[in-house]
C-alpha atoms as a PDB file:
ATOM      1  CA  MET A   1      81.901 129.639   7.607  1.00  0.00           C
ATOM      2  CA  PHE A   2      85.674 129.072   7.594  1.00  0.00           C
ATOM      3  CA  LYS A   3      85.295 126.613  10.475  1.00  0.00           C
ATOM      4  CA  ASN A   4      82.657 124.616   8.629  1.00  0.00           C
ATOM      5  CA  SER A   5      84.763 124.732   5.475  1.00  0.00           C
ATOM      6  CA  LEU A   6      87.708 123.119   7.288  1.00  0.00           C
ATOM      7  CA  THR A   7      85.659 120.077   8.295  1.00  0.00           C
ATOM      8  CA  GLY A   8      85.350 119.035   4.654  1.00  0.00           C
ATOM      9  CA  LEU A   9      81.664 118.309   5.265  1.00  0.00           C
ATOM     10  CA  PRO A  10      78.810 119.675   3.101  1.00  0.00           C
ATOM     11  CA  ILE A  11      77.750 122.485   5.426  1.00  0.00           C
ATOM     12  CA  GLY A  12      77.752 126.254   5.033  1.00  0.00           C
ATOM     13  CA  GLY A  13      77.836 128.817   7.789  1.00  0.00           C
ATOM     14  CA  ALA A  14      75.884 131.677   9.347  1.00  0.00           C
ATOM     15  CA  LYS A  15      75.406 133.317  12.742  1.00  0.00           C
ATOM     16  CA  GLY A  16      72.352 134.558  14.582  1.00  0.00           C
ATOM     17  CA  GLY A  17      71.039 135.082  18.088  1.00  0.00           C
ATOM     18  CA  SER A  18      68.996 137.272  20.396  1.00  0.00           C
ATOM     19  CA  ASP A  19      69.426 139.705  23.278  1.00  0.00           C
ATOM     20  CA  PHE A  20      67.475 137.527  25.734  1.00  0.00           C
ATOM     21  CA  ASP A  21      69.434 136.836  28.939  1.00  0.00           C
ATOM     22  CA  PRO A  22      68.401 133.494  30.511  1.00  0.00           C
ATOM     23  CA  LYS A  23      70.163 134.195  33.816  1.00  0.00           C
ATOM     24  CA  GLY A  24      67.653 134.348  36.627  1.00  0.00           C
ATOM     25  CA  LYS A  25      64.800 133.200  34.381  1.00  0.00           C
ATOM     26  CA  SER A  26      62.604 130.179  35.103  1.00  0.00           C
ATOM     27  CA  ASP A  27      62.336 127.260  32.666  1.00  0.00           C
ATOM     28  CA  PHE A  28      58.810 128.447  31.848  1.00  0.00           C
ATOM     29  CA  GLU A  29      60.064 131.944  30.949  1.00  0.00           C
ATOM     30  CA  ILE A  30      62.836 130.472  28.796  1.00  0.00           C
ATOM     31  CA  MET A  31      60.339 128.184  27.060  1.00  0.00           C
ATOM     32  CA  LYS A  32      57.998 131.116  26.336  1.00  0.00           C
ATOM     33  CA  PHE A  33      60.837 133.061  24.756  1.00  0.00           C
ATOM     34  CA  CYS A  34      62.049 130.082  22.691  1.00  0.00           C
ATOM     35  CA  ARG A  35      58.538 129.523  21.340  1.00  0.00           C
ATOM     36  CA  ALA A  36      58.128 133.196  20.429  1.00  0.00           C
ATOM     37  CA  PHE A  37      61.554 133.228  18.783  1.00  0.00           C
ATOM     38  CA  MET A  38      60.738 130.173  16.665  1.00  0.00           C
ATOM     39  CA  ARG A  39      57.427 131.647  15.541  1.00  0.00           C
ATOM     40  CA  GLU A  40      59.467 134.322  13.739  1.00  0.00           C
ATOM     41  CA  LEU A  41      62.415 132.107  12.733  1.00  0.00           C
ATOM     42  CA  HIS A  42      60.652 129.043  11.303  1.00  0.00           C
ATOM     43  CA  GLN A  43      60.002 130.538   7.869  1.00  0.00           C
ATOM     44  CA  TYR A  44      63.729 131.077   7.279  1.00  0.00           C
ATOM     45  CA  ILE A  45      65.094 127.650   8.257  1.00  0.00           C
ATOM     46  CA  GLY A  46      64.795 124.052   7.062  1.00  0.00           C
ATOM     47  CA  ALA A  47      66.694 120.765   6.909  1.00  0.00           C
ATOM     48  CA  ARG A  48      68.017 121.777   3.457  1.00  0.00           C
ATOM     49  CA  ILE A  49      68.076 125.540   4.027  1.00  0.00           C
ATOM     50  CA  ASP A  50      69.591 126.645   7.351  1.00  0.00           C
ATOM     51  CA  VAL A  51      70.042 124.395  10.388  1.00  0.00           C
ATOM     52  CA  PRO A  52      70.612 126.385  13.617  1.00  0.00           C
ATOM     53  CA  ALA A  53      72.560 124.899  16.525  1.00  0.00           C
ATOM     54  CA  GLY A  54      73.167 125.851  20.143  1.00  0.00           C
ATOM     55  CA  ASP A  55      75.810 128.235  21.426  1.00  0.00           C
ATOM     56  CA  ILE A  56      76.279 130.414  24.502  1.00  0.00           C
ATOM     57  CA  GLY A  57      73.135 130.148  26.644  1.00  0.00           C
ATOM     58  CA  VAL A  58      71.501 127.648  24.288  1.00  0.00           C
ATOM     59  CA  GLY A  59      71.818 123.983  25.200  1.00  0.00           C
ATOM     60  CA  THR A  60      69.770 120.824  24.743  1.00  0.00           C
ATOM     61  CA  LYS A  61      66.877 122.183  26.809  1.00  0.00           C
ATOM     62  CA  GLU A  62      66.509 125.351  24.745  1.00  0.00           C
ATOM     63  CA  ILE A  63      66.932 123.449  21.457  1.00  0.00           C
ATOM     64  CA  GLY A  64      64.158 121.125  22.640  1.00  0.00           C
ATOM     65  CA  PHE A  65      61.807 124.068  23.254  1.00  0.00           C
ATOM     66  CA  LEU A  66      62.647 125.547  19.839  1.00  0.00           C
ATOM     67  CA  TYR A  67      62.185 122.216  18.071  1.00  0.00           C
ATOM     68  CA  GLY A  68      58.854 121.556  19.771  1.00  0.00           C
ATOM     69  CA  GLU A  69      57.489 124.874  18.519  1.00  0.00           C
ATOM     70  CA  TYR A  70      58.853 124.233  15.012  1.00  0.00           C
ATOM     71  CA  LYS A  71      57.048 120.880  14.883  1.00  0.00           C
ATOM     72  CA  ARG A  72      53.837 122.457  16.187  1.00  0.00           C
ATOM     73  CA  ILE A  73      53.911 125.089  13.437  1.00  0.00           C
ATOM     74  CA  ASN A  74      55.048 122.910  10.511  1.00  0.00           C
ATOM     75  CA  ARG A  75      53.660 119.519  11.585  1.00  0.00           C
ATOM     76  CA  SER A  76      56.867 117.975  10.244  1.00  0.00           C
ATOM     77  CA  TYR A  77      59.626 115.824  11.787  1.00  0.00           C
ATOM     78  CA  ASP A  78      62.717 117.368  10.137  1.00  0.00           C
ATOM     79  CA  GLY A  79      66.359 117.660  11.130  1.00  0.00           C
ATOM     80  CA  VAL A  80      65.929 121.419  11.221  1.00  0.00           C
ATOM     81  CA  LEU A  81      67.952 121.993  14.409  1.00  0.00           C
ATOM     82  CA  SER A  82      71.092 120.283  15.658  1.00  0.00           C
ATOM     83  CA  GLY A  83      71.919 119.654  19.282  1.00  0.00           C
ATOM     84  CA  LYS A  84      68.437 118.218  19.865  1.00  0.00           C
ATOM     85  CA  PRO A  85      67.719 115.933  22.832  1.00  0.00           C
ATOM     86  CA  TYR A  86      68.610 112.343  21.952  1.00  0.00           C
ATOM     87  CA  ALA A  87      65.003 111.237  22.465  1.00  0.00           C
ATOM     88  CA  PHE A  88      63.845 113.001  19.302  1.00  0.00           C
ATOM     89  CA  GLY A  89      66.654 113.096  16.797  1.00  0.00           C
ATOM     90  CA  GLY A  90      69.753 114.223  18.641  1.00  0.00           C
ATOM     91  CA  SER A  91      73.124 112.545  18.220  1.00  0.00           C
ATOM     92  CA  LEU A  92      75.190 110.814  20.833  1.00  0.00           C
ATOM     93  CA  LEU A  93      78.308 112.845  21.728  1.00  0.00           C
ATOM     94  CA  ARG A  94      76.845 116.151  20.501  1.00  0.00           C
ATOM     95  CA  PRO A  95      77.163 117.887  23.907  1.00  0.00           C
ATOM     96  CA  GLU A  96      80.738 116.610  24.267  1.00  0.00           C
ATOM     97  CA  ALA A  97      81.790 117.148  20.657  1.00  0.00           C
ATOM     98  CA  THR A  98      83.482 120.566  20.792  1.00  0.00           C
ATOM     99  CA  GLY A  99      85.503 119.817  23.931  1.00  0.00           C
ATOM    100  CA  TYR A 100      86.485 116.313  22.814  1.00  0.00           C
ATOM    101  CA  GLY A 101      87.402 117.628  19.366  1.00  0.00           C
ATOM    102  CA  VAL A 102      89.699 120.263  20.883  1.00  0.00           C
ATOM    103  CA  VAL A 103      91.657 117.515  22.622  1.00  0.00           C
ATOM    104  CA  TYR A 104      91.768 115.279  19.524  1.00  0.00           C
ATOM    105  CA  PHE A 105      93.201 118.205  17.538  1.00  0.00           C
ATOM    106  CA  ALA A 106      95.742 118.929  20.284  1.00  0.00           C
ATOM    107  CA  GLN A 107      96.841 115.294  20.420  1.00  0.00           C
ATOM    108  CA  GLU A 108      97.455 115.120  16.686  1.00  0.00           C
ATOM    109  CA  MET A 109      99.249 118.472  16.571  1.00  0.00           C
ATOM    110  CA  LEU A 110     101.582 117.595  19.454  1.00  0.00           C
ATOM    111  CA  LYS A 111     102.250 114.142  18.041  1.00  0.00           C
ATOM    112  CA  GLN A 112     103.156 115.377  14.564  1.00  0.00           C
ATOM    113  CA  GLU A 113     104.951 118.602  15.467  1.00  0.00           C
ATOM    114  CA  LEU A 114     106.777 117.755  18.704  1.00  0.00           C
ATOM    115  CA  GLU A 115     106.439 113.974  19.082  1.00  0.00           C
ATOM    116  CA  GLU A 116     104.825 114.710  22.455  1.00  0.00           C
ATOM    117  CA  VAL A 117     101.756 113.376  24.257  1.00  0.00           C
ATOM    118  CA  LEU A 118      99.387 114.955  26.776  1.00  0.00           C
ATOM    119  CA  GLU A 119      99.483 112.020  29.182  1.00  0.00           C
ATOM    120  CA  ASP A 120     100.855 113.046  32.604  1.00  0.00           C
ATOM    121  CA  GLN A 121     101.261 116.666  31.452  1.00  0.00           C
ATOM    122  CA  ILE A 122      99.966 119.662  33.415  1.00  0.00           C
ATOM    123  CA  CYS A 123      97.232 121.482  31.467  1.00  0.00           C
ATOM    124  CA  VAL A 124      95.299 124.647  32.274  1.00  0.00           C
ATOM    125  CA  VAL A 125      91.740 125.210  31.049  1.00  0.00           C
ATOM    126  CA  SER A 126      89.662 128.380  31.360  1.00  0.00           C
ATOM    127  CA  GLY A 127      85.884 128.346  31.553  1.00  0.00           C
ATOM    128  CA  ALA A 128      83.385 126.055  33.240  1.00  0.00           C
ATOM    129  CA  GLY A 129      80.727 125.775  30.551  1.00  0.00           C
ATOM    130  CA  ASN A 130      79.992 122.959  28.147  1.00  0.00           C
ATOM    131  CA  VAL A 131      83.213 123.246  26.101  1.00  0.00           C
ATOM    132  CA  ALA A 132      85.466 123.623  29.141  1.00  0.00           C
ATOM    133  CA  ILE A 133      83.867 120.737  31.048  1.00  0.00           C
ATOM    134  CA  HIS A 134      84.215 118.311  28.142  1.00  0.00           C
ATOM    135  CA  THR A 135      87.730 119.489  27.309  1.00  0.00           C
ATOM    136  CA  ILE A 136      88.668 118.723  30.920  1.00  0.00           C
ATOM    137  CA  GLU A 137      86.825 115.388  30.738  1.00  0.00           C
ATOM    138  CA  LYS A 138      88.647 114.213  27.608  1.00  0.00           C
ATOM    139  CA  LEU A 139      92.016 115.443  28.881  1.00  0.00           C
ATOM    140  CA  GLN A 140      91.483 113.394  32.023  1.00  0.00           C
ATOM    141  CA  HIS A 141      90.424 110.378  29.923  1.00  0.00           C
ATOM    142  CA  ILE A 142      93.816 110.391  28.199  1.00  0.00           C
ATOM    143  CA  GLY A 143      95.773 110.894  31.419  1.00  0.00           C
ATOM    144  CA  ALA A 144      96.493 114.640  31.405  1.00  0.00           C
ATOM    145  CA  ILE A 145      96.417 116.570  34.690  1.00  0.00           C
ATOM    146  CA  VAL A 146      94.043 119.555  34.480  1.00  0.00           C
ATOM    147  CA  VAL A 147      94.547 121.946  37.375  1.00  0.00           C
ATOM    148  CA  THR A 148      92.310 124.944  36.568  1.00  0.00           C
ATOM    149  CA  CYS A 149      88.855 126.090  35.510  1.00  0.00           C
ATOM    150  CA  SER A 150      87.092 129.452  35.770  1.00  0.00           C
ATOM    151  CA  ASP A 151      83.824 131.356  35.531  1.00  0.00           C
ATOM    152  CA  SER A 152      82.831 135.021  35.372  1.00  0.00           C
ATOM    153  CA  GLU A 153      83.515 135.489  39.094  1.00  0.00           C
ATOM    154  CA  GLY A 154      86.928 133.849  39.436  1.00  0.00           C
ATOM    155  CA  SER A 155      89.159 130.820  38.940  1.00  0.00           C
ATOM    156  CA  ILE A 156      89.910 127.516  40.632  1.00  0.00           C
ATOM    157  CA  TYR A 157      93.437 126.172  41.013  1.00  0.00           C
ATOM    158  CA  ASP A 158      93.475 122.554  42.167  1.00  0.00           C
ATOM    159  CA  PRO A 159      97.039 121.132  42.166  1.00  0.00           C
ATOM    160  CA  ASN A 160      95.650 117.620  42.607  1.00  0.00           C
ATOM    161  CA  GLY A 161      93.641 117.890  39.394  1.00  0.00           C
ATOM    162  CA  ILE A 162      90.132 119.228  38.876  1.00  0.00           C
ATOM    163  CA  ASP A 163      87.417 117.064  40.458  1.00  0.00           C
ATOM    164  CA  LEU A 164      85.183 116.669  37.415  1.00  0.00           C
ATOM    165  CA  ASN A 165      82.215 115.311  39.351  1.00  0.00           C
ATOM    166  CA  MET A 166      82.206 118.349  41.618  1.00  0.00           C
ATOM    167  CA  LEU A 167      82.579 120.692  38.647  1.00  0.00           C
ATOM    168  CA  LYS A 168      79.608 119.052  36.911  1.00  0.00           C
ATOM    169  CA  MET A 169      77.533 119.343  40.089  1.00  0.00           C
ATOM    170  CA  LEU A 170      78.166 123.092  40.080  1.00  0.00           C
ATOM    171  CA  LYS A 171      78.187 123.886  36.363  1.00  0.00           C
ATOM    172  CA  GLY A 172      76.923 120.907  34.350  1.00  0.00           C
ATOM    173  CA  ASN A 173      73.634 120.941  32.404  1.00  0.00           C
ATOM    174  CA  GLY A 174      73.260 124.707  32.606  1.00  0.00           C
ATOM    175  CA  LYS A 175      73.753 124.985  36.392  1.00  0.00           C
ATOM    176  CA  ARG A 176      75.214 128.310  37.492  1.00  0.00           C
ATOM    177  CA  PHE A 177      76.547 127.802  41.032  1.00  0.00           C
ATOM    178  CA  SER A 178      79.682 129.751  41.938  1.00  0.00           C
ATOM    179  CA  LEU A 179      83.077 128.065  41.745  1.00  0.00           C
ATOM    180  CA  GLU A 180      83.673 129.372  45.265  1.00  0.00           C
ATOM    181  CA  ASP A 181      81.666 126.326  46.355  1.00  0.00           C
ATOM    182  CA  TYR A 182      84.259 124.085  44.682  1.00  0.00           C
ATOM    183  CA  ALA A 183      87.007 125.460  46.931  1.00  0.00           C
ATOM    184  CA  LEU A 184      84.797 124.976  49.990  1.00  0.00           C
ATOM    185  CA  GLN A 185      84.210 121.321  49.097  1.00  0.00           C
ATOM    186  CA  ILE A 186      87.582 120.209  47.672  1.00  0.00           C
ATOM    187  CA  GLN A 187      90.492 120.256  50.095  1.00  0.00           C
ATOM    188  CA  GLY A 188      93.701 121.774  48.714  1.00  0.00           C
ATOM    189  CA  SER A 189      91.990 123.812  45.985  1.00  0.00           C
ATOM    190  CA  VAL A 190      92.077 127.599  45.860  1.00  0.00           C
ATOM    191  CA  HIS A 191      89.473 130.041  44.539  1.00  0.00           C
ATOM    192  CA  ILE A 192      90.928 133.253  43.083  1.00  0.00           C
ATOM    193  CA  LYS A 193      88.372 136.053  42.838  1.00  0.00           C
ATOM    194  CA  LYS A 194      88.259 138.039  39.620  1.00  0.00           C
ATOM    195  CA  SER A 195      88.883 141.215  41.626  1.00  0.00           C
ATOM    196  CA  ASP A 196      92.238 139.707  42.689  1.00  0.00           C
ATOM    197  CA  TYR A 197      93.450 139.000  39.135  1.00  0.00           C
ATOM    198  CA  PRO A 198      96.662 140.812  38.105  1.00  0.00           C
ATOM    199  CA  ASP A 199      95.971 143.922  36.000  1.00  0.00           C
ATOM    200  CA  GLY A 200      95.284 143.023  32.377  1.00  0.00           C
ATOM    201  CA  ARG A 201      95.693 139.309  33.031  1.00  0.00           C
ATOM    202  CA  HIS A 202      93.749 136.155  33.875  1.00  0.00           C
ATOM    203  CA  ALA A 203      94.752 134.068  36.913  1.00  0.00           C
ATOM    204  CA  VAL A 204      94.447 130.767  35.004  1.00  0.00           C
ATOM    205  CA  TRP A 205      97.371 131.675  32.717  1.00  0.00           C
ATOM    206  CA  ASP A 206      99.652 132.329  35.714  1.00  0.00           C
ATOM    207  CA  ILE A 207      99.818 128.594  36.450  1.00  0.00           C
ATOM    208  CA  PRO A 208     102.875 126.825  34.918  1.00  0.00           C
ATOM    209  CA  CYS A 209     101.708 124.281  32.358  1.00  0.00           C
ATOM    210  CA  PHE A 210     102.585 122.168  29.328  1.00  0.00           C
ATOM    211  CA  ALA A 211      99.492 123.191  27.321  1.00  0.00           C
ATOM    212  CA  ALA A 212      96.804 125.861  27.698  1.00  0.00           C
ATOM    213  CA  PHE A 213      93.188 125.568  26.576  1.00  0.00           C
ATOM    214  CA  PRO A 214      91.221 128.874  26.552  1.00  0.00           C
ATOM    215  CA  CYS A 215      87.598 127.677  26.559  1.00  0.00           C
ATOM    216  CA  ALA A 216      85.650 130.558  28.082  1.00  0.00           C
ATOM    217  CA  THR A 217      85.066 133.675  25.994  1.00  0.00           C
ATOM    218  CA  GLN A 218      86.536 136.207  23.566  1.00  0.00           C
ATOM    219  CA  ASN A 219      89.784 138.050  24.325  1.00  0.00           C
ATOM    220  CA  GLU A 220      90.397 136.273  27.624  1.00  0.00           C
ATOM    221  CA  LEU A 221      94.082 135.603  26.885  1.00  0.00           C
ATOM    222  CA  THR A 222      96.029 138.870  26.596  1.00  0.00           C
ATOM    223  CA  GLU A 223      99.561 139.694  25.480  1.00  0.00           C
ATOM    224  CA  GLU A 224     100.598 139.863  29.154  1.00  0.00           C
ATOM    225  CA  ASP A 225      99.098 136.408  29.697  1.00  0.00           C
ATOM    226  CA  ALA A 226     101.026 135.118  26.680  1.00  0.00           C
ATOM    227  CA  ILE A 227     104.292 136.465  28.116  1.00  0.00           C
ATOM    228  CA  THR A 228     103.581 134.625  31.383  1.00  0.00           C
ATOM    229  CA  LEU A 229     102.698 131.341  29.655  1.00  0.00           C
ATOM    230  CA  ILE A 230     105.865 131.447  27.543  1.00  0.00           C
ATOM    231  CA  LYS A 231     108.014 132.275  30.585  1.00  0.00           C
ATOM    232  CA  ASN A 232     106.492 129.295  32.429  1.00  0.00           C
ATOM    233  CA  GLY A 233     107.312 126.843  29.638  1.00  0.00           C
ATOM    234  CA  CYS A 234     103.965 126.386  27.877  1.00  0.00           C
ATOM    235  CA  VAL A 235     104.547 124.659  24.511  1.00  0.00           C
ATOM    236  CA  ALA A 236     101.027 124.751  23.023  1.00  0.00           C
ATOM    237  CA  VAL A 237      97.860 126.853  23.156  1.00  0.00           C
ATOM    238  CA  ILE A 238      94.702 125.264  21.746  1.00  0.00           C
ATOM    239  CA  GLU A 239      91.567 127.407  21.482  1.00  0.00           C
ATOM    240  CA  GLY A 240      88.291 125.877  22.638  1.00  0.00           C
ATOM    241  CA  ALA A 241      86.285 129.113  22.623  1.00  0.00           C
ATOM    242  CA  ASN A 242      85.802 131.381  19.606  1.00  0.00           C
ATOM    243  CA  MET A 243      88.562 134.005  19.393  1.00  0.00           C
ATOM    244  CA  PRO A 244      89.626 133.821  23.066  1.00  0.00           C
ATOM    245  CA  THR A 245      93.185 134.985  22.301  1.00  0.00           C
ATOM    246  CA  GLU A 246      93.981 138.629  21.582  1.00  0.00           C
ATOM    247  CA  PRO A 247      95.812 139.308  18.279  1.00  0.00           C
ATOM    248  CA  LEU A 248      99.001 140.555  19.977  1.00  0.00           C
ATOM    249  CA  ALA A 249      99.114 137.376  22.070  1.00  0.00           C
ATOM    250  CA  ILE A 250      98.762 135.241  18.931  1.00  0.00           C
ATOM    251  CA  GLU A 251     101.611 137.125  17.257  1.00  0.00           C
ATOM    252  CA  LEU A 252     103.800 136.542  20.313  1.00  0.00           C
ATOM    253  CA  PHE A 253     103.064 132.802  20.405  1.00  0.00           C
ATOM    254  CA  LEU A 254     103.920 132.461  16.713  1.00  0.00           C
ATOM    255  CA  ARG A 255     107.098 134.501  17.078  1.00  0.00           C
ATOM    256  CA  GLU A 256     108.283 132.493  20.095  1.00  0.00           C
ATOM    257  CA  GLY A 257     107.562 129.093  18.520  1.00  0.00           C
ATOM    258  CA  VAL A 258     104.634 128.131  20.765  1.00  0.00           C
ATOM    259  CA  LEU A 259     102.236 125.881  18.859  1.00  0.00           C
ATOM    260  CA  PHE A 260      98.998 127.821  18.472  1.00  0.00           C
ATOM    261  CA  ALA A 261      95.763 126.206  17.254  1.00  0.00           C
ATOM    262  CA  PRO A 262      93.086 128.755  16.229  1.00  0.00           C
ATOM    263  CA  GLY A 263      89.495 128.036  17.217  1.00  0.00           C
ATOM    264  CA  LYS A 264      88.243 127.884  13.636  1.00  0.00           C
ATOM    265  CA  ALA A 265      90.279 124.669  13.339  1.00  0.00           C
ATOM    266  CA  SER A 266      90.554 123.244  16.851  1.00  0.00           C
ATOM    267  CA  ASN A 267      86.956 123.730  18.020  1.00  0.00           C
ATOM    268  CA  ALA A 268      85.263 122.515  14.825  1.00  0.00           C
ATOM    269  CA  GLY A 269      84.175 119.275  16.514  1.00  0.00           C
ATOM    270  CA  GLY A 270      80.789 120.716  17.413  1.00  0.00           C
ATOM    271  CA  VAL A 271      79.836 121.583  13.859  1.00  0.00           C
ATOM    272  CA  ALA A 272      81.205 118.231  12.655  1.00  0.00           C
ATOM    273  CA  VAL A 273      78.887 116.293  14.956  1.00  0.00           C
ATOM    274  CA  SER A 274      76.038 118.637  13.996  1.00  0.00           C
ATOM    275  CA  GLU A 275      76.496 117.367  10.447  1.00  0.00           C
ATOM    276  CA  PHE A 276      76.588 113.787  11.761  1.00  0.00           C
ATOM    277  CA  GLU A 277      73.250 114.508  13.460  1.00  0.00           C
ATOM    278  CA  MET A 278      71.812 115.855  10.209  1.00  0.00           C
ATOM    279  CA  SER A 279      72.987 112.703   8.396  1.00  0.00           C
ATOM    280  CA  GLN A 280      71.355 110.471  11.001  1.00  0.00           C
ATOM    281  CA  ASN A 281      68.092 112.444  10.763  1.00  0.00           C
ATOM    282  CA  ALA A 282      68.071 112.224   6.957  1.00  0.00           C
ATOM    283  CA  SER A 283      68.627 108.452   6.976  1.00  0.00           C
ATOM    284  CA  MET A 284      66.439 107.825  10.075  1.00  0.00           C
ATOM    285  CA  GLU A 285      69.380 106.014  11.716  1.00  0.00           C
ATOM    286  CA  LYS A 286      71.008 106.145  15.139  1.00  0.00           C
ATOM    287  CA  TRP A 287      74.798 105.831  15.197  1.00  0.00           C
ATOM    288  CA  SER A 288      76.580 104.210  18.135  1.00  0.00           C
ATOM    289  CA  TYR A 289      78.714 106.234  20.538  1.00  0.00           C
ATOM    290  CA  GLU A 290      81.814 104.440  19.233  1.00  0.00           C
ATOM    291  CA  LYS A 291      81.026 105.333  15.619  1.00  0.00           C
ATOM    292  CA  VAL A 292      80.418 109.021  16.358  1.00  0.00           C
ATOM    293  CA  ASP A 293      83.565 109.236  18.507  1.00  0.00           C
ATOM    294  CA  ALA A 294      85.740 107.526  15.882  1.00  0.00           C
ATOM    295  CA  LYS A 295      84.427 109.779  13.110  1.00  0.00           C
ATOM    296  CA  LEU A 296      84.947 112.883  15.280  1.00  0.00           C
ATOM    297  CA  ASN A 297      88.559 111.887  15.968  1.00  0.00           C
ATOM    298  CA  GLU A 298      89.101 111.243  12.264  1.00  0.00           C
ATOM    299  CA  ILE A 299      87.646 114.639  11.271  1.00  0.00           C
ATOM    300  CA  MET A 300      89.813 116.531  13.785  1.00  0.00           C
ATOM    301  CA  CYS A 301      92.963 114.752  12.607  1.00  0.00           C
ATOM    302  CA  GLN A 302      92.037 115.567   9.007  1.00  0.00           C
ATOM    303  CA  ILE A 303      91.543 119.238   9.907  1.00  0.00           C
ATOM    304  CA  TYR A 304      94.984 119.364  11.526  1.00  0.00           C
ATOM    305  CA  LYS A 305      96.612 117.764   8.478  1.00  0.00           C
ATOM    306  CA  ARG A 306      94.779 120.067   6.057  1.00  0.00           C
ATOM    307  CA  VAL A 307      95.830 123.158   8.025  1.00  0.00           C
ATOM    308  CA  ALA A 308      99.442 122.013   8.537  1.00  0.00           C
ATOM    309  CA  LEU A 309      99.962 121.046   4.883  1.00  0.00           C
ATOM    310  CA  THR A 310      98.472 124.323   3.634  1.00  0.00           C
ATOM    311  CA  ALA A 311     100.700 126.349   5.972  1.00  0.00           C
ATOM    312  CA  LYS A 312     103.758 124.469   4.705  1.00  0.00           C
ATOM    313  CA  GLU A 313     102.692 124.841   1.056  1.00  0.00           C
ATOM    314  CA  TYR A 314     102.512 128.630   1.434  1.00  0.00           C
ATOM    315  CA  GLY A 315     105.810 128.965   3.305  1.00  0.00           C
ATOM    316  CA  LYS A 316     104.164 129.412   6.724  1.00  0.00           C
ATOM    317  CA  GLU A 317     105.146 126.139   8.402  1.00  0.00           C
ATOM    318  CA  ARG A 318     103.701 125.757  11.923  1.00  0.00           C
ATOM    319  CA  ASN A 319     101.606 128.906  11.430  1.00  0.00           C
ATOM    320  CA  PHE A 320      98.228 127.249  11.849  1.00  0.00           C
ATOM    321  CA  VAL A 321      96.418 130.602  11.813  1.00  0.00           C
ATOM    322  CA  ASP A 322      97.454 131.308   8.222  1.00  0.00           C
ATOM    323  CA  GLY A 323      97.114 127.631   7.327  1.00  0.00           C
ATOM    324  CA  ALA A 324      93.520 127.512   8.557  1.00  0.00           C
ATOM    325  CA  ASN A 325      92.525 130.778   6.886  1.00  0.00           C
ATOM    326  CA  ILE A 326      94.054 129.854   3.533  1.00  0.00           C
ATOM    327  CA  ALA A 327      92.719 126.280   3.503  1.00  0.00           C
ATOM    328  CA  ALA A 328      89.200 127.403   4.430  1.00  0.00           C
ATOM    329  CA  PHE A 329      89.174 130.313   1.968  1.00  0.00           C
ATOM    330  CA  LYS A 330      90.379 128.133  -0.913  1.00  0.00           C
ATOM    331  CA  ARG A 331      87.598 125.594  -0.372  1.00  0.00           C
ATOM    332  CA  ILE A 332      84.923 128.313  -0.239  1.00  0.00           C
ATOM    333  CA  ALA A 333      86.358 130.108  -3.285  1.00  0.00           C
ATOM    334  CA  GLU A 334      86.487 126.868  -5.289  1.00  0.00           C
ATOM    335  CA  ALA A 335      82.837 126.150  -4.452  1.00  0.00           C
ATOM    336  CA  MET A 336      81.793 129.671  -5.434  1.00  0.00           C
ATOM    337  CA  ILE A 337      83.635 129.444  -8.759  1.00  0.00           C
ATOM    338  CA  LEU A 338      82.114 126.045  -9.546  1.00  0.00           C
ATOM    339  CA  GLU A 339      78.622 127.398  -8.794  1.00  0.00           C
ATOM    340  CA  GLY A 340      79.212 130.516 -10.885  1.00  0.00           C
ATOM    341  CA  VAL A 341      78.770 132.875  -7.947  1.00  0.00           C
END
C-alpha cells in the first residue's frame, strides 16, 4: 500500500497468492490451476474493486489463463487484471516496467544527490527473473556496464558485461535453465555455485562496483555483504526486489553515507504501469511505447523528489527509507481522514 501511495496514482494496495509451485508443471497443469483459482477469486475482484497483478511465478501467461476464466464466468471485458497479454488489454512496457523504473529512480537519485551518472559505471545486479533482466536491459541502454546476475543455484560474473541475449535465452519468458549454461557459452564468464558462496554472504556483492541492484528475493543482501560493498567503493544501493536488504545492512548503508533506495519507492514502476493499463482499459485506448515510457520516467522522478523532500522536511536528509515511509503514510492518513475512516 505504501508503494502504491508513493506513485500519487489513484490505487490502493493488497496482497494475495497461493501455495501452488509451477516448477516442473506443464502449461496445461498451470492453466488448470489458474482456472480453478479464478473460480474462487472472481467474486472478490473487479475493475473498480480489486485489480490483481502478477508477481513471483505469475507472468503474462498465467494472467492470460486467469483472465480467460474470468471472462468465461462473467461474460464481461473488464480491466480486472493487470499485466495481461497485449492482445487483449495489456499495456506496452508492462513486463519491463519494474526494472526500467528502478533504473529511472537510480538515475534521478544519483543526478540530484551526487551529480553522477550511470554511464560507463560498473553495476552489479542479483537475480535473473523479470525485474533483474529488465534492470540489466535498461542499465545497458544508458551505457552502464552490468557484470553480474544470479539464480537460486549460483551467480554469473562476466567482466565484459552480461550478454543480455544469452541471459534471455536461459531465463526470459519464464524459462528456467541454469546459469551454468551461460558460463559454458560465454567465454571469460565465471559461474559461482551457491555452495561456494562465503558464509553469510552472496557472491554478487563481492564484486567491486559503483552501484548495486538487489533484484532477486528477500534478505539476499546481509550486513556482511554491506560491509564488503562499502569497502569496495559502492556509492548507491537501489532495491529492485521487495525487501531484499536485511535491516542491519540498511542501517550500515545509511550510517556510512551510501545512497540507499528502498523498494517501496524504487520498484514502484510496475504498479505505476498497472494503473496506466487500467486507464487504457477504461478509455478503450492503446498508448504508444513512447508515451508509456515517458510517463513511467516522470512517475519515478516524482517519487524520488517526493521521498527526498519529505526526508529533508523531517530532518532526515538522504534517508530515503524514512522519507518513503513518512510520505506514503501521510498520503494514506490524509485520504482516511477525508473519507471519515
